[in-house]
N, C-alpha and C. Protein backbone atom coordinates (compact mmCIF):
# COMPACT_ATOMS: atom_id res chain seq x y z
N MET A 1 6.26 29.27 27.84
CA MET A 1 4.50 28.31 27.69
C MET A 1 3.86 27.82 28.20
N GLU A 2 2.33 27.99 29.02
CA GLU A 2 1.85 27.23 29.64
C GLU A 2 1.30 25.96 28.96
N ARG A 3 1.21 24.94 29.47
CA ARG A 3 0.88 23.32 28.84
C ARG A 3 -1.12 23.96 28.35
N TYR A 4 -1.63 23.43 27.51
CA TYR A 4 -2.97 24.04 27.41
C TYR A 4 -3.60 22.76 27.72
N LYS A 5 -4.98 22.70 27.51
CA LYS A 5 -5.55 21.42 28.43
C LYS A 5 -6.12 20.43 26.56
N GLY A 6 -5.89 20.84 25.83
CA GLY A 6 -6.37 19.86 24.41
C GLY A 6 -5.02 19.19 24.27
N LEU A 7 -4.92 18.46 23.57
CA LEU A 7 -4.05 17.31 22.54
C LEU A 7 -3.97 18.08 20.81
N PHE A 8 -2.46 18.30 20.49
CA PHE A 8 -2.52 18.72 19.13
C PHE A 8 -2.14 17.21 18.34
N ILE A 9 -2.93 17.03 17.31
CA ILE A 9 -2.74 15.63 16.28
C ILE A 9 -2.40 16.76 15.23
N THR A 10 -1.49 16.12 14.82
CA THR A 10 -0.64 16.15 12.83
C THR A 10 -1.07 14.83 12.59
N LEU A 11 -1.25 15.66 11.08
CA LEU A 11 -1.18 14.60 10.16
C LEU A 11 -0.19 14.65 8.42
N GLU A 12 0.86 13.62 8.65
CA GLU A 12 2.37 14.30 7.31
C GLU A 12 1.97 13.69 6.75
N GLY A 13 2.62 13.90 5.62
CA GLY A 13 2.76 12.89 4.54
C GLY A 13 2.99 13.21 3.30
N GLY A 14 3.31 12.62 2.50
CA GLY A 14 3.62 13.46 0.64
C GLY A 14 1.57 13.15 0.03
N ASP A 15 2.41 13.93 -0.50
CA ASP A 15 0.81 13.94 -1.42
C ASP A 15 0.11 12.72 -1.73
N GLY A 16 -1.12 12.65 -2.02
CA GLY A 16 -1.10 11.31 -1.98
C GLY A 16 -1.59 10.28 -1.42
N SER A 17 -0.86 10.78 0.25
CA SER A 17 -1.18 9.99 0.58
C SER A 17 -2.19 9.50 1.96
N GLY A 18 -2.96 10.16 1.67
CA GLY A 18 -4.92 10.25 1.91
C GLY A 18 -4.68 10.93 3.57
N LYS A 19 -4.38 12.18 3.02
CA LYS A 19 -4.24 12.82 4.99
C LYS A 19 -5.71 13.68 4.96
N SER A 20 -6.42 13.43 3.99
CA SER A 20 -8.03 14.66 4.21
C SER A 20 -8.65 13.49 4.66
N THR A 21 -9.17 12.41 3.73
CA THR A 21 -9.28 11.29 3.57
C THR A 21 -9.87 10.50 5.70
N ILE A 22 -8.00 10.51 5.73
CA ILE A 22 -8.20 10.15 7.28
C ILE A 22 -8.69 10.85 8.17
N ALA A 23 -8.06 11.93 8.30
CA ALA A 23 -8.58 12.73 8.69
C ALA A 23 -9.53 13.24 9.32
N LEU A 24 -10.63 13.28 8.11
CA LEU A 24 -12.65 13.18 8.28
C LEU A 24 -12.64 12.33 8.63
N ARG A 25 -12.42 10.61 8.75
CA ARG A 25 -12.86 9.44 9.43
C ARG A 25 -12.66 9.50 10.65
N LEU A 26 -10.83 10.47 10.73
CA LEU A 26 -10.74 9.87 13.14
C LEU A 26 -12.31 11.49 13.41
N LYS A 27 -11.98 11.93 12.70
CA LYS A 27 -12.81 13.22 12.60
C LYS A 27 -14.64 12.82 13.35
N GLU A 28 -14.92 12.01 12.70
CA GLU A 28 -16.27 11.30 13.01
C GLU A 28 -15.63 10.32 14.15
N ILE A 29 -14.73 9.21 14.19
CA ILE A 29 -14.72 8.40 15.46
C ILE A 29 -14.87 9.31 16.38
N LEU A 30 -13.73 10.15 16.93
CA LEU A 30 -13.04 10.67 17.70
C LEU A 30 -14.66 11.71 18.76
N SER A 31 -14.44 12.11 17.37
CA SER A 31 -16.30 12.99 17.88
C SER A 31 -17.28 12.43 18.56
N LEU A 32 -17.38 11.32 18.60
CA LEU A 32 -17.97 10.36 19.16
C LEU A 32 -18.03 10.40 20.88
N LYS A 33 -16.48 10.68 21.30
CA LYS A 33 -16.55 10.91 22.74
C LYS A 33 -15.92 12.00 23.51
N TYR A 34 -14.87 13.30 21.96
CA TYR A 34 -14.63 13.80 22.31
C TYR A 34 -14.98 15.19 21.52
N ASP A 35 -14.05 16.53 21.70
CA ASP A 35 -14.45 17.46 21.23
C ASP A 35 -13.96 18.21 20.00
N ILE A 36 -13.89 18.04 18.11
CA ILE A 36 -12.97 17.57 18.29
C ILE A 36 -12.80 19.60 17.42
N LEU A 37 -11.68 19.95 16.91
CA LEU A 37 -11.25 21.13 15.46
C LEU A 37 -10.58 19.62 14.71
N HIS A 38 -10.84 19.90 13.55
CA HIS A 38 -10.89 19.85 12.33
C HIS A 38 -9.90 20.33 11.23
N THR A 39 -9.09 20.83 11.54
CA THR A 39 -8.42 21.87 10.22
C THR A 39 -7.32 21.17 9.25
N ARG A 40 -6.59 22.14 8.55
CA ARG A 40 -5.68 22.23 7.48
C ARG A 40 -4.90 23.38 7.79
N GLU A 41 -3.23 23.11 6.27
CA GLU A 41 -2.31 23.65 6.45
C GLU A 41 -1.60 23.39 4.96
N PRO A 42 -1.63 24.56 4.20
CA PRO A 42 -2.15 25.84 4.08
C PRO A 42 -3.08 25.91 5.04
N GLY A 43 -3.52 27.48 5.06
CA GLY A 43 -5.08 27.86 5.28
C GLY A 43 -5.80 26.98 7.03
N GLY A 44 -7.22 26.61 7.23
CA GLY A 44 -7.55 26.63 7.98
C GLY A 44 -8.70 27.50 8.64
N SER A 45 -7.93 29.43 8.22
CA SER A 45 -8.51 30.39 8.71
C SER A 45 -8.61 31.11 7.62
N LYS A 46 -9.49 32.56 7.60
CA LYS A 46 -9.89 33.57 6.59
C LYS A 46 -8.76 33.81 5.30
N ILE A 47 -7.37 34.75 6.90
CA ILE A 47 -6.29 35.46 6.16
C ILE A 47 -5.21 34.16 5.52
N ALA A 48 -5.31 33.04 6.17
CA ALA A 48 -4.06 31.57 6.16
C ALA A 48 -5.02 31.20 4.58
N GLU A 49 -6.68 31.08 4.68
CA GLU A 49 -6.26 30.63 3.34
C GLU A 49 -6.06 31.32 2.25
N GLU A 50 -6.33 33.19 2.26
CA GLU A 50 -5.50 33.04 1.25
C GLU A 50 -3.93 33.01 0.89
N ILE A 51 -3.32 32.97 2.41
CA ILE A 51 -2.16 32.83 1.39
C ILE A 51 -1.96 32.09 1.15
N ARG A 52 -2.72 30.30 1.26
CA ARG A 52 -2.60 29.43 0.50
C ARG A 52 -2.72 29.15 -0.90
N ALA A 53 -3.62 29.98 -1.76
CA ALA A 53 -4.35 29.88 -2.38
C ALA A 53 -3.26 30.75 -2.92
N VAL A 54 -2.24 32.33 -3.33
CA VAL A 54 -0.97 32.17 -3.35
C VAL A 54 0.06 31.33 -3.41
N ILE A 55 0.84 30.80 -2.88
CA ILE A 55 1.05 29.55 -2.76
C ILE A 55 0.39 28.02 -3.58
N LEU A 56 -0.15 28.22 -3.61
CA LEU A 56 -0.79 27.36 -5.02
C LEU A 56 -0.86 27.28 -5.71
N ASP A 57 -0.72 28.35 -6.45
CA ASP A 57 -1.89 28.51 -7.33
C ASP A 57 -0.54 28.37 -8.53
N PRO A 58 -0.92 27.64 -9.81
CA PRO A 58 -0.38 26.83 -10.65
C PRO A 58 0.47 27.99 -10.91
N GLU A 59 0.35 29.29 -11.29
CA GLU A 59 0.76 30.23 -12.78
C GLU A 59 1.64 30.19 -11.05
N ASN A 60 2.27 30.26 -9.91
CA ASN A 60 3.00 31.03 -9.53
C ASN A 60 4.31 30.09 -10.36
N THR A 61 4.49 29.64 -11.29
CA THR A 61 6.09 29.16 -11.15
C THR A 61 7.37 29.02 -10.67
N LEU A 62 7.41 31.49 -10.99
CA LEU A 62 8.52 31.81 -11.02
C LEU A 62 8.60 32.26 -8.96
N MET A 63 8.25 31.20 -8.18
CA MET A 63 7.98 31.62 -6.94
C MET A 63 8.55 31.02 -5.74
N ASP A 64 10.13 31.95 -5.64
CA ASP A 64 11.22 31.96 -4.65
C ASP A 64 11.02 30.90 -4.28
N PRO A 65 12.24 29.90 -3.46
CA PRO A 65 12.26 28.94 -2.42
C PRO A 65 11.72 29.22 -0.98
N LYS A 66 12.55 30.37 -0.97
CA LYS A 66 11.90 31.53 0.52
C LYS A 66 11.28 31.87 0.23
N THR A 67 10.55 32.49 -0.86
CA THR A 67 9.21 33.54 -0.63
C THR A 67 8.09 32.03 0.49
N GLU A 68 8.81 31.29 -0.57
CA GLU A 68 7.66 29.46 0.01
C GLU A 68 7.52 29.50 1.02
N ALA A 69 8.96 29.10 2.06
CA ALA A 69 8.85 29.32 2.94
C ALA A 69 8.33 29.92 3.98
N LEU A 70 8.37 31.60 3.64
CA LEU A 70 7.98 32.02 4.69
C LEU A 70 6.64 32.62 4.71
N LEU A 71 6.55 32.51 2.77
CA LEU A 71 4.39 32.32 3.19
C LEU A 71 4.03 31.06 3.87
N TYR A 72 4.51 30.28 3.80
CA TYR A 72 3.56 28.66 4.51
C TYR A 72 4.09 29.59 6.15
N ALA A 73 5.29 30.05 6.42
CA ALA A 73 5.59 29.89 8.00
C ALA A 73 4.24 31.54 7.85
N ALA A 74 3.91 32.39 7.36
CA ALA A 74 2.73 33.17 7.59
C ALA A 74 1.67 32.84 7.69
N SER A 75 1.31 32.02 7.13
CA SER A 75 -0.38 30.64 6.75
C SER A 75 -0.53 30.80 8.51
N ARG A 76 0.72 29.80 8.82
CA ARG A 76 0.90 28.91 9.80
C ARG A 76 0.11 29.90 11.20
N ARG A 77 1.45 30.59 11.45
CA ARG A 77 1.27 31.66 11.96
C ARG A 77 -0.16 32.17 12.46
N GLN A 78 -0.90 32.80 11.18
CA GLN A 78 -2.30 33.11 11.43
C GLN A 78 -3.40 32.41 12.03
N HIS A 79 -2.91 30.89 11.36
CA HIS A 79 -3.90 30.24 11.55
C HIS A 79 -3.61 28.94 13.50
N LEU A 80 -2.74 29.59 13.84
CA LEU A 80 -2.60 29.16 14.77
C LEU A 80 -2.82 29.62 16.00
N THR A 81 -2.92 31.12 15.78
CA THR A 81 -3.77 31.94 16.73
C THR A 81 -5.29 32.54 15.96
N GLU A 82 -5.00 31.94 15.66
CA GLU A 82 -6.35 32.04 14.99
C GLU A 82 -7.47 31.59 15.95
N LYS A 83 -6.83 29.75 15.36
CA LYS A 83 -7.65 28.45 15.59
C LYS A 83 -7.12 27.82 16.53
N VAL A 84 -6.19 27.22 16.64
CA VAL A 84 -4.95 26.20 16.87
C VAL A 84 -5.10 26.35 18.33
N ILE A 85 -4.83 27.42 18.91
CA ILE A 85 -4.02 27.67 20.00
C ILE A 85 -5.94 28.14 21.28
N PRO A 86 -6.87 28.78 20.30
CA PRO A 86 -7.89 29.19 21.51
C PRO A 86 -8.24 27.17 21.19
N ALA A 87 -8.27 26.64 20.54
CA ALA A 87 -8.69 25.38 20.42
C ALA A 87 -8.01 24.56 21.79
N LEU A 88 -6.95 24.72 21.99
CA LEU A 88 -6.02 23.55 22.50
C LEU A 88 -6.70 24.49 24.01
N ASN A 89 -6.18 25.84 24.13
CA ASN A 89 -6.97 26.30 25.59
C ASN A 89 -8.66 25.63 25.98
N ASP A 90 -9.62 25.46 25.25
CA ASP A 90 -10.56 25.21 24.98
C ASP A 90 -10.61 23.66 26.07
N GLY A 91 -9.76 22.59 25.58
CA GLY A 91 -9.04 21.49 26.35
C GLY A 91 -9.75 20.46 24.60
N LYS A 92 -9.95 21.16 23.25
CA LYS A 92 -10.14 20.96 22.43
C LYS A 92 -8.75 19.63 22.29
N ILE A 93 -9.07 18.78 21.20
CA ILE A 93 -8.29 18.13 20.05
C ILE A 93 -8.10 18.37 18.62
N VAL A 94 -7.23 18.97 18.69
CA VAL A 94 -7.05 19.73 16.80
C VAL A 94 -6.27 18.54 16.61
N LEU A 95 -6.93 18.34 15.09
CA LEU A 95 -6.21 17.27 14.29
C LEU A 95 -6.19 18.03 13.24
N CYS A 96 -4.77 18.47 12.56
CA CYS A 96 -4.44 19.29 11.21
C CYS A 96 -3.62 18.43 10.26
N GLU A 97 -4.44 18.70 9.62
CA GLU A 97 -3.39 18.43 7.92
C GLU A 97 -2.69 18.48 7.47
N ARG A 98 -1.25 18.67 8.48
CA ARG A 98 0.26 19.39 7.73
C ARG A 98 0.70 19.98 8.92
N TYR A 99 1.51 20.58 9.43
CA TYR A 99 1.82 21.69 10.51
C TYR A 99 3.31 21.64 10.06
N VAL A 100 4.30 22.45 10.66
CA VAL A 100 4.99 22.86 10.42
C VAL A 100 6.77 21.54 10.10
N ASP A 101 6.50 20.11 10.29
CA ASP A 101 7.11 18.89 9.42
C ASP A 101 7.07 18.89 7.80
N SER A 102 5.48 19.53 7.47
CA SER A 102 5.81 19.75 6.05
C SER A 102 6.86 20.80 5.69
N SER A 103 6.91 22.00 6.36
CA SER A 103 7.46 23.11 5.94
C SER A 103 9.40 22.65 6.03
N LEU A 104 9.28 21.89 6.70
CA LEU A 104 10.27 21.53 7.07
C LEU A 104 10.73 20.29 5.92
N ALA A 105 10.18 19.42 5.20
CA ALA A 105 10.39 17.88 5.05
C ALA A 105 10.12 18.99 3.35
N TYR A 106 9.51 19.19 2.83
CA TYR A 106 9.33 20.12 1.16
C TYR A 106 10.79 21.55 1.56
N GLN A 107 10.13 22.46 1.90
CA GLN A 107 11.13 23.31 1.37
C GLN A 107 12.68 23.18 2.04
N GLY A 108 12.43 23.58 3.52
CA GLY A 108 13.84 22.63 4.52
C GLY A 108 14.78 21.22 3.78
N TYR A 109 14.34 20.53 2.72
CA TYR A 109 15.12 19.29 2.65
C TYR A 109 14.62 19.21 0.49
N ALA A 110 13.31 19.10 0.63
CA ALA A 110 13.41 18.73 -0.67
C ALA A 110 13.44 20.11 -1.44
N ARG A 111 13.80 21.21 -1.19
CA ARG A 111 13.95 22.59 -2.43
C ARG A 111 15.53 22.64 -1.42
N GLY A 112 15.90 22.50 -0.45
CA GLY A 112 17.44 22.56 -0.55
C GLY A 112 17.68 23.54 0.91
N LEU A 113 16.65 24.24 0.60
CA LEU A 113 16.81 25.50 2.38
C LEU A 113 17.95 24.72 3.21
N GLY A 114 17.82 23.79 3.84
CA GLY A 114 18.23 23.12 4.85
C GLY A 114 16.65 22.58 6.13
N ILE A 115 17.18 22.16 7.08
CA ILE A 115 15.92 21.95 7.74
C ILE A 115 16.09 23.08 8.69
N ASP A 116 17.76 23.29 9.23
CA ASP A 116 17.80 24.21 9.93
C ASP A 116 17.00 24.93 10.05
N TYR A 117 17.72 26.04 9.14
CA TYR A 117 16.81 27.09 8.21
C TYR A 117 15.94 27.08 8.53
N VAL A 118 15.04 26.18 8.30
CA VAL A 118 13.32 26.09 7.99
C VAL A 118 12.82 26.13 9.17
N LYS A 119 13.42 25.84 9.83
CA LYS A 119 13.39 26.01 11.30
C LYS A 119 13.07 27.16 11.80
N LYS A 120 14.48 27.38 11.88
CA LYS A 120 14.37 29.32 12.97
C LYS A 120 13.76 29.88 11.84
N ILE A 121 12.77 30.14 10.22
CA ILE A 121 12.29 30.64 9.62
C ILE A 121 10.83 30.67 11.49
N ASN A 122 10.46 28.87 11.43
CA ASN A 122 8.85 29.18 11.75
C ASN A 122 9.37 28.74 13.29
N GLU A 123 10.23 28.79 13.86
CA GLU A 123 10.43 29.30 15.14
C GLU A 123 9.76 30.33 16.30
N MET A 124 9.25 31.52 15.13
CA MET A 124 8.87 32.89 15.20
C MET A 124 7.45 31.92 15.43
N ALA A 125 7.03 31.53 14.03
CA ALA A 125 5.61 31.79 13.57
C ALA A 125 4.83 30.30 15.02
N ILE A 126 5.31 29.65 15.33
CA ILE A 126 4.83 28.21 15.77
C ILE A 126 4.97 28.88 17.62
N ASP A 127 6.02 29.73 17.92
CA ASP A 127 5.94 29.73 19.41
C ASP A 127 6.32 28.49 20.28
N GLY A 128 6.77 27.26 19.78
CA GLY A 128 7.52 26.59 20.92
C GLY A 128 5.70 25.00 20.88
N TYR A 129 4.66 26.05 19.47
CA TYR A 129 3.98 25.06 19.50
C TYR A 129 3.99 23.43 18.65
N TYR A 130 4.47 22.81 19.07
CA TYR A 130 5.33 21.86 18.24
C TYR A 130 3.55 20.27 18.56
N PRO A 131 3.86 19.52 17.58
CA PRO A 131 2.44 18.89 17.93
C PRO A 131 2.47 17.59 19.60
N ASP A 132 1.92 17.47 19.92
CA ASP A 132 1.71 16.39 20.87
C ASP A 132 2.43 15.49 20.10
N LEU A 133 1.70 14.46 19.10
CA LEU A 133 1.49 12.89 18.73
C LEU A 133 1.16 13.84 17.13
N THR A 134 1.85 12.84 15.83
CA THR A 134 1.99 13.07 14.70
C THR A 134 1.68 11.79 13.93
N LEU A 135 0.78 12.02 13.09
CA LEU A 135 0.94 10.73 12.22
C LEU A 135 1.41 10.53 11.10
N TYR A 136 2.34 9.91 10.45
CA TYR A 136 2.62 10.11 9.17
C TYR A 136 2.36 8.74 8.29
N LEU A 137 1.62 9.33 7.44
CA LEU A 137 1.06 7.87 6.29
C LEU A 137 2.09 7.90 5.00
N LYS A 138 3.11 6.83 5.35
CA LYS A 138 3.78 6.72 4.84
C LYS A 138 3.72 6.27 3.37
N ILE A 139 4.32 6.04 2.30
CA ILE A 139 3.48 6.16 1.52
C ILE A 139 4.77 6.10 0.32
N ASP A 140 4.79 5.09 -0.71
CA ASP A 140 5.65 4.94 -2.68
C ASP A 140 5.40 6.69 -2.58
N PRO A 141 5.89 7.76 -2.89
CA PRO A 141 5.86 8.95 -4.28
C PRO A 141 5.28 8.51 -5.36
N GLU A 142 5.19 7.35 -5.42
CA GLU A 142 4.51 6.67 -6.87
C GLU A 142 3.39 6.22 -7.06
N ILE A 143 3.18 5.69 -5.55
CA ILE A 143 1.72 5.57 -5.47
C ILE A 143 0.94 6.05 -4.89
N GLY A 144 1.26 7.20 -4.56
CA GLY A 144 0.89 8.46 -3.59
C GLY A 144 0.46 9.21 -4.94
N LEU A 145 1.83 9.84 -5.71
CA LEU A 145 0.77 10.46 -7.48
C LEU A 145 -0.12 9.27 -8.01
N SER A 146 -0.31 9.09 -8.69
CA SER A 146 -0.38 7.92 -8.89
C SER A 146 -2.19 7.87 -8.51
N ARG A 147 -2.82 8.40 -7.15
CA ARG A 147 -3.91 8.46 -6.80
C ARG A 147 -4.08 9.18 -7.24
N LEU A 148 -3.83 10.61 -7.94
CA LEU A 148 -3.98 11.76 -7.57
C LEU A 148 -4.54 12.20 -9.43
N LYS A 149 -4.17 11.18 -10.07
CA LYS A 149 -4.02 11.29 -11.33
C LYS A 149 -5.14 12.40 -12.46
N SER A 150 -6.89 11.54 -11.69
CA SER A 150 -8.44 11.54 -12.05
C SER A 150 -8.31 13.27 -10.76
N ARG A 151 -7.30 13.80 -9.59
CA ARG A 151 -7.98 14.83 -9.14
C ARG A 151 -7.55 16.57 -9.72
N SER A 152 -9.02 16.65 -10.21
CA SER A 152 -9.35 17.85 -11.07
C SER A 152 -8.75 19.25 -10.44
N GLY A 153 -8.11 19.89 -11.03
CA GLY A 153 -7.31 21.90 -10.15
C GLY A 153 -6.33 21.20 -9.56
N LYS A 154 -5.23 20.67 -10.67
CA LYS A 154 -3.93 20.48 -9.95
C LYS A 154 -3.15 21.25 -9.67
N ASP A 155 -2.16 21.70 -8.65
CA ASP A 155 -1.84 22.78 -8.06
C ASP A 155 -0.66 23.10 -8.16
N ARG A 156 0.49 24.13 -7.73
CA ARG A 156 1.46 24.48 -8.53
C ARG A 156 2.65 23.10 -7.58
N LEU A 157 2.58 22.52 -6.94
CA LEU A 157 3.03 21.51 -5.99
C LEU A 157 2.68 19.81 -6.99
N ASP A 158 1.99 19.86 -7.40
CA ASP A 158 1.26 18.30 -8.10
C ASP A 158 2.21 19.49 -9.52
N GLN A 159 2.53 20.00 -9.83
CA GLN A 159 3.63 20.03 -11.40
C GLN A 159 4.71 19.79 -10.63
N GLU A 160 5.40 19.22 -9.55
CA GLU A 160 6.76 19.25 -9.62
C GLU A 160 6.93 17.34 -10.02
N SER A 161 8.18 17.56 -10.07
CA SER A 161 8.87 16.03 -10.66
C SER A 161 9.48 15.25 -9.60
N ILE A 162 9.59 13.91 -10.24
CA ILE A 162 8.40 12.89 -9.75
C ILE A 162 10.36 13.19 -8.39
N ALA A 163 11.08 13.18 -8.60
CA ALA A 163 12.01 13.46 -7.65
C ALA A 163 12.18 14.54 -6.99
N PHE A 164 11.72 15.23 -7.49
CA PHE A 164 11.00 16.45 -5.86
C PHE A 164 10.00 15.57 -5.20
N HIS A 165 9.50 14.85 -5.40
CA HIS A 165 8.71 14.06 -4.23
C HIS A 165 9.61 12.78 -3.86
N TYR A 166 10.25 12.78 -4.00
CA TYR A 166 11.22 11.45 -3.55
C TYR A 166 11.98 12.15 -2.35
N ALA A 167 12.62 13.29 -2.78
CA ALA A 167 13.12 14.34 -1.48
C ALA A 167 12.32 14.65 -0.33
N VAL A 168 11.26 14.42 -0.69
CA VAL A 168 9.77 14.70 0.28
C VAL A 168 9.87 13.56 1.35
N PHE A 169 10.12 12.86 0.51
CA PHE A 169 10.04 11.43 1.32
C PHE A 169 10.49 11.00 2.15
N LYS A 170 12.25 12.00 1.59
CA LYS A 170 13.43 11.29 2.44
C LYS A 170 13.55 12.26 3.46
N GLY A 171 12.59 13.92 3.63
CA GLY A 171 12.50 14.57 3.93
C GLY A 171 12.06 14.14 5.67
N TYR A 172 10.99 14.02 5.44
CA TYR A 172 10.18 12.97 6.16
C TYR A 172 11.42 11.50 7.40
N GLU A 173 12.04 10.63 6.39
CA GLU A 173 12.00 10.20 7.07
C GLU A 173 14.27 10.40 7.79
N LYS A 174 14.11 11.47 7.33
CA LYS A 174 15.24 12.39 8.30
C LYS A 174 14.81 13.14 9.78
N LEU A 175 13.15 13.47 9.78
CA LEU A 175 12.78 14.19 10.86
C LEU A 175 12.99 12.97 11.51
N ILE A 176 11.81 12.11 11.04
CA ILE A 176 11.47 10.96 11.72
C ILE A 176 12.52 9.92 13.12
N GLN A 177 14.08 9.95 12.40
CA GLN A 177 14.84 9.89 13.16
C GLN A 177 15.81 10.65 14.09
N GLU A 178 14.93 12.13 13.79
CA GLU A 178 15.09 13.25 14.66
C GLU A 178 14.32 13.31 15.98
N ASP A 179 13.24 13.07 15.65
CA ASP A 179 12.23 12.54 17.18
C ASP A 179 11.02 11.61 16.79
N GLU A 180 11.37 10.33 17.09
CA GLU A 180 11.26 8.92 17.06
C GLU A 180 9.44 9.01 17.85
N LYS A 181 9.93 9.28 18.77
CA LYS A 181 9.20 9.09 19.78
C LYS A 181 7.54 9.93 19.71
N ARG A 182 7.72 10.94 18.90
CA ARG A 182 6.60 11.87 18.82
C ARG A 182 5.61 11.51 17.03
N PHE A 183 7.18 11.04 16.36
CA PHE A 183 6.29 9.94 15.33
C PHE A 183 5.79 8.87 15.15
N LYS A 184 4.52 8.97 14.68
CA LYS A 184 4.21 7.10 14.26
C LYS A 184 3.68 7.03 13.09
N ILE A 185 4.82 6.18 12.48
CA ILE A 185 4.85 5.70 11.36
C ILE A 185 3.17 4.58 10.64
N ILE A 186 2.36 5.19 10.00
CA ILE A 186 1.41 4.96 9.77
C ILE A 186 1.75 4.11 7.99
N ASP A 187 1.33 2.98 7.98
CA ASP A 187 1.08 2.75 6.08
C ASP A 187 0.02 2.62 5.26
N ALA A 188 0.31 3.44 4.85
CA ALA A 188 -0.64 4.60 3.68
C ALA A 188 -1.07 3.59 2.68
N ALA A 189 -0.66 2.49 2.45
CA ALA A 189 -0.49 2.29 1.11
C ALA A 189 -1.09 0.55 1.71
N LYS A 190 -1.73 0.86 2.70
CA LYS A 190 -3.20 -0.09 2.81
C LYS A 190 -4.29 0.47 3.18
N ASP A 191 -5.47 -0.88 2.44
CA ASP A 191 -6.95 0.46 2.34
C ASP A 191 -7.04 1.25 3.45
N ILE A 192 -8.17 1.51 3.81
CA ILE A 192 -8.35 2.61 3.76
C ILE A 192 -9.20 2.47 5.49
N ASP A 193 -9.52 1.16 5.42
CA ASP A 193 -10.01 0.71 6.61
C ASP A 193 -8.92 0.19 7.56
N ALA A 194 -8.11 -0.08 7.08
CA ALA A 194 -6.98 -0.75 7.75
C ALA A 194 -5.16 0.69 8.63
N VAL A 195 -5.98 1.46 7.15
CA VAL A 195 -4.82 2.36 8.09
C VAL A 195 -5.66 3.09 9.05
N VAL A 196 -6.79 3.71 9.49
CA VAL A 196 -8.29 4.45 9.98
C VAL A 196 -7.26 3.86 11.55
N GLU A 197 -7.39 1.98 10.76
CA GLU A 197 -7.64 1.48 12.23
C GLU A 197 -5.95 1.51 12.83
N SER A 198 -5.18 2.08 12.45
CA SER A 198 -3.31 2.05 12.98
C SER A 198 -3.52 3.00 13.33
N CYS A 199 -4.16 4.55 13.01
CA CYS A 199 -3.80 5.49 13.32
C CYS A 199 -4.41 5.20 15.32
N LEU A 200 -6.15 4.52 14.98
CA LEU A 200 -6.39 4.62 16.09
C LEU A 200 -6.15 4.22 17.28
N GLU A 201 -5.35 2.22 16.60
CA GLU A 201 -4.06 1.70 17.79
C GLU A 201 -3.22 3.03 18.39
N ALA A 202 -2.62 3.83 17.51
CA ALA A 202 -1.64 4.67 17.51
C ALA A 202 -2.03 5.62 19.03
N LEU A 203 -2.85 6.24 18.64
CA LEU A 203 -3.97 7.40 19.34
C LEU A 203 -4.43 6.95 20.60
N ARG A 204 -4.69 5.23 20.85
CA ARG A 204 -5.10 4.66 21.86
C ARG A 204 -3.79 4.40 23.20
N GLU A 205 -2.56 5.74 23.13
CA GLU A 205 -1.69 5.62 23.89
C GLU A 205 -2.19 7.10 24.61
N ARG A 206 -2.49 7.55 23.92
CA ARG A 206 -3.58 8.75 24.48
C ARG A 206 -4.68 8.71 24.88
N LEU A 207 -5.80 8.38 23.89
CA LEU A 207 -7.03 8.37 24.19
C LEU A 207 -7.65 7.54 24.15
N ASP A 208 -9.27 7.51 24.64
CA ASP A 208 -9.75 6.39 25.38
C ASP A 208 -10.73 6.31 23.97
N VAL A 209 -10.43 5.54 22.71
CA VAL A 209 -11.08 5.71 20.94
C VAL A 209 -11.11 3.52 20.69
């Protein structure tokens, strides 16, 4: 794979860690100097969003873990080829809420499929397009989930037990141990301004912000 001109940044973390809020703030700041694509997974394009709707539908309680992992990978592939790769080739900064690490933590570790197993599923989907930098918004699952109590329209993953969300937390810790250079750990329990500043500090190693 030839090196693209842009910069691929992902935001990862458990439910309620503030990924969407932080991504919007970072986009606002970075857009003053750079061309930004802000997107999300699962979703980010028409077909990928349709797959997202199936994955997160609260009525799909019978979904098999392998089906779930494959659907995430399919959505990821479509989003990557349709949105992310063209943006990187154009020299843009891609700011993506969730990417392959989410699948490794949620389906690989928390669902018990195995990180290596889910990684193999996704290797075909991502064609070597790993993030240049991953901002991990670290927060205790109980605190994160408490932030979601007022949110309307709970999705299928919101129905999972606290034990599942703690397993996701442990899954992320394992991923970070294996790839410490790519991950930047951000204390997401702080107030939003402090979290944004911590993210900017991490980005300053690569960008003028």
